[in-house]
Amino acid sequence: MKKYLYILTLCVLALSSCKKEEVGGTAVQSLANEWYVQVTQINATTGAIIDDSDDSYYTLSTYNTADNSPTVMWMDDSQSYYGLKTKVNVDLANKAFSVTNADELYFGVKVTITNGKVVTDGAVGPASKAVTDAISYDAQFSDTPGVIFRFKGYGRTRFTEDDH
């Protein structure tokens, strides 16, 4: 009987000493997401639309850096459109991001991102109509001077009918 009480006491002590760890988010979690974006090409000099005929959606991921910096995040389209993988500067308070003449890692060109913005609950999924965040930004690449690529889209809703 003493043996069972001893085992029961050990089990109670072992269970009571277990602590549930709270899993925290990343420093840029308010901007991090998987996105579906559409693109319009704009003439950088005149502001005229060069091409807005592409109604396809392209994937984009935004996520924290390895050092979990609150002032920098990755943008990565996994080469779904032009090929964009770069770090951008982040303004968390305004949910804004930008970078000037940064290294683009897929093709070794330079990229400038301007007007980057995430709007909380600023979009809806096209099929599900679920409210989600919106993203928009302009990109200029050194190998296509004079062209602004304007991206606008929505955060992944997790409804399969919204996935592109």
Protein backbone atom coordinates (compact mmCIF):
# COMPACT_ATOMS: atom_id res chain seq x y z
CA MET A 1 0.00 0.00 0.00
CA LYS A 2 2.86 2.37 0.82
CA LYS A 3 4.25 1.65 -2.63
CA TYR A 4 1.00 2.81 -4.31
CA LEU A 5 0.80 5.95 -2.16
CA TYR A 6 4.40 6.73 -3.04
CA ILE A 7 3.69 6.30 -6.79
CA LEU A 8 0.49 8.37 -6.52
CA THR A 9 2.36 11.14 -4.69
CA LEU A 10 5.07 11.19 -7.37
CA CYS A 11 2.45 11.41 -10.11
CA VAL A 12 0.65 14.28 -8.40
CA LEU A 13 3.92 16.14 -7.87
CA ALA A 14 4.99 15.54 -11.47
CA LEU A 15 1.69 16.80 -12.88
CA SER A 16 1.55 19.82 -10.61
CA SER A 17 5.07 20.88 -11.55
CA CYS A 18 4.28 20.94 -15.30
CA LYS A 19 3.86 24.44 -16.60
CA LYS A 20 2.08 25.27 -19.78
CA GLU A 21 4.27 27.56 -21.82
CA GLU A 22 2.58 30.44 -23.53
CA VAL A 23 3.57 30.62 -27.17
CA GLY A 24 4.21 34.18 -28.23
CA GLY A 25 3.92 35.77 -31.63
CA THR A 26 6.63 37.33 -33.72
CA ALA A 27 7.65 40.96 -33.59
CA VAL A 28 5.97 41.69 -36.96
CA GLN A 29 2.95 39.43 -36.54
CA SER A 30 0.51 42.25 -37.36
CA LEU A 31 2.04 42.40 -40.87
CA ALA A 32 2.90 38.74 -41.34
CA ASN A 33 0.58 36.69 -43.52
CA GLU A 34 0.09 34.77 -46.71
CA TRP A 35 -1.40 37.03 -49.35
CA TYR A 36 -3.05 36.84 -52.74
CA VAL A 37 -2.19 39.89 -54.83
CA GLN A 38 -3.01 41.24 -58.27
CA VAL A 39 -0.70 43.52 -60.22
CA THR A 40 -1.06 46.55 -62.46
CA GLN A 41 1.90 47.97 -64.38
CA ILE A 42 2.22 51.77 -64.27
CA ASN A 43 4.45 54.13 -66.25
CA ALA A 44 6.72 55.70 -63.61
CA THR A 45 6.97 59.00 -65.47
CA THR A 46 3.39 59.66 -66.56
CA GLY A 47 1.46 57.54 -64.07
CA ALA A 48 -0.47 56.01 -66.94
CA ILE A 49 -1.50 52.37 -66.76
CA ILE A 50 0.71 50.25 -69.01
CA ASP A 51 -1.06 46.95 -68.39
CA ASP A 52 -3.93 46.00 -66.11
CA SER A 53 -5.20 43.07 -68.17
CA ASP A 54 -3.82 40.41 -65.82
CA ASP A 55 -6.58 39.45 -63.41
CA SER A 56 -4.58 36.53 -61.96
CA TYR A 57 -3.73 36.33 -58.28
CA TYR A 58 -0.15 35.73 -57.19
CA THR A 59 1.05 34.53 -53.81
CA LEU A 60 3.12 36.60 -51.41
CA SER A 61 4.37 35.85 -47.92
CA THR A 62 5.43 38.40 -45.33
CA TYR A 63 7.23 37.11 -42.26
CA ASN A 64 9.72 37.90 -39.52
CA THR A 65 13.49 37.84 -39.87
CA ALA A 66 15.61 35.26 -38.03
CA ASP A 67 16.48 37.80 -35.34
CA ASN A 68 12.75 38.64 -34.94
CA SER A 69 13.38 42.35 -35.49
CA PRO A 70 10.37 44.66 -35.02
CA THR A 71 11.72 46.99 -37.73
CA VAL A 72 12.40 44.58 -40.62
CA MET A 73 10.46 41.76 -42.32
CA TRP A 74 10.81 39.50 -45.34
CA MET A 75 8.65 39.78 -48.46
CA ASP A 76 8.69 36.67 -50.64
CA ASP A 77 6.55 35.85 -53.67
CA SER A 78 8.24 32.47 -54.21
CA GLN A 79 8.68 33.58 -57.82
CA SER A 80 4.93 33.38 -58.40
CA TYR A 81 4.98 36.66 -60.35
CA TYR A 82 8.15 38.64 -60.95
CA GLY A 83 10.45 37.13 -58.38
CA LEU A 84 10.60 39.12 -55.17
CA LYS A 85 12.50 38.13 -52.07
CA THR A 86 13.83 40.99 -50.03
CA LYS A 87 13.84 42.51 -46.58
CA VAL A 88 11.80 45.68 -46.08
CA ASN A 89 11.77 48.27 -43.32
CA VAL A 90 8.67 48.17 -41.13
CA ASP A 91 6.70 50.87 -39.31
CA LEU A 92 4.53 48.73 -37.02
CA ALA A 93 2.53 51.64 -35.59
CA ASN A 94 1.27 52.56 -39.07
CA LYS A 95 1.36 49.03 -40.52
CA ALA A 96 3.58 50.37 -43.29
CA PHE A 97 6.68 49.05 -45.04
CA SER A 98 9.21 50.24 -47.62
CA VAL A 99 12.78 49.85 -48.79
CA THR A 100 15.03 51.67 -51.25
CA ASN A 101 17.43 49.96 -53.62
CA ALA A 102 17.50 46.67 -51.70
CA ASP A 103 18.89 43.37 -52.90
CA GLU A 104 16.29 41.09 -54.49
CA LEU A 105 17.55 37.58 -53.84
CA TYR A 106 15.96 35.50 -56.63
CA PHE A 107 17.43 37.38 -59.60
CA GLY A 108 20.12 39.58 -58.08
CA VAL A 109 18.54 42.88 -59.07
CA LYS A 110 17.74 45.91 -56.92
CA VAL A 111 14.20 46.66 -55.77
CA THR A 112 12.49 49.68 -54.27
CA ILE A 113 9.21 49.17 -52.41
CA THR A 114 7.06 52.23 -51.69
CA ASN A 115 3.54 52.88 -50.39
CA GLY A 116 3.53 49.54 -48.57
CA LYS A 117 0.53 49.24 -46.29
CA VAL A 118 -1.51 46.60 -44.49
CA VAL A 119 -5.08 47.54 -43.55
CA THR A 120 -6.65 45.45 -40.81
CA ASP A 121 -10.01 44.03 -41.96
CA GLY A 122 -9.61 46.03 -45.18
CA ALA A 123 -10.61 43.28 -47.62
CA VAL A 124 -12.95 40.35 -48.10
CA GLY A 125 -12.25 36.96 -49.61
CA PRO A 126 -13.58 36.93 -53.19
CA ALA A 127 -15.67 33.78 -52.78
CA SER A 128 -16.24 33.36 -49.04
CA LYS A 129 -16.74 37.08 -48.35
CA ALA A 130 -14.82 36.51 -45.10
CA VAL A 131 -13.30 39.72 -43.74
CA THR A 132 -9.51 39.72 -43.90
CA ASP A 133 -6.60 42.16 -44.06
CA ALA A 134 -5.67 44.06 -47.22
CA ILE A 135 -2.15 44.70 -48.55
CA SER A 136 -0.87 47.11 -51.17
CA TYR A 137 2.55 48.31 -52.32
CA ASP A 138 4.45 49.58 -55.35
CA ALA A 139 7.63 47.87 -56.55
CA GLN A 140 10.27 49.08 -58.97
CA PHE A 141 13.00 46.71 -60.17
CA SER A 142 16.37 47.81 -61.54
CA ASP A 143 16.00 45.58 -64.61
CA THR A 144 12.69 47.22 -65.65
CA PRO A 145 13.36 50.96 -65.31
CA GLY A 146 10.36 53.23 -65.76
CA VAL A 147 7.81 50.61 -64.68
CA ILE A 148 6.01 50.57 -61.35
CA PHE A 149 4.38 47.27 -60.41
CA ARG A 150 1.37 48.10 -58.21
CA PHE A 151 0.26 45.19 -56.06
CA LYS A 152 -3.06 44.98 -54.20
CA GLY A 153 -4.59 42.02 -52.50
CA TYR A 154 -5.98 40.26 -49.48
CA GLY A 155 -4.79 38.07 -46.66
CA ARG A 156 -5.40 34.35 -46.92
CA THR A 157 -8.77 33.53 -45.35
CA ARG A 158 -8.17 29.76 -45.01
CA PHE A 159 -11.34 29.09 -47.02
CA THR A 160 -10.30 26.93 -49.98
CA GLU A 161 -12.61 28.79 -52.33
CA ASP A 162 -10.54 31.96 -51.74
CA ASP A 163 -7.19 30.29 -52.44
CA HIS A 164 -5.72 31.08 -55.84
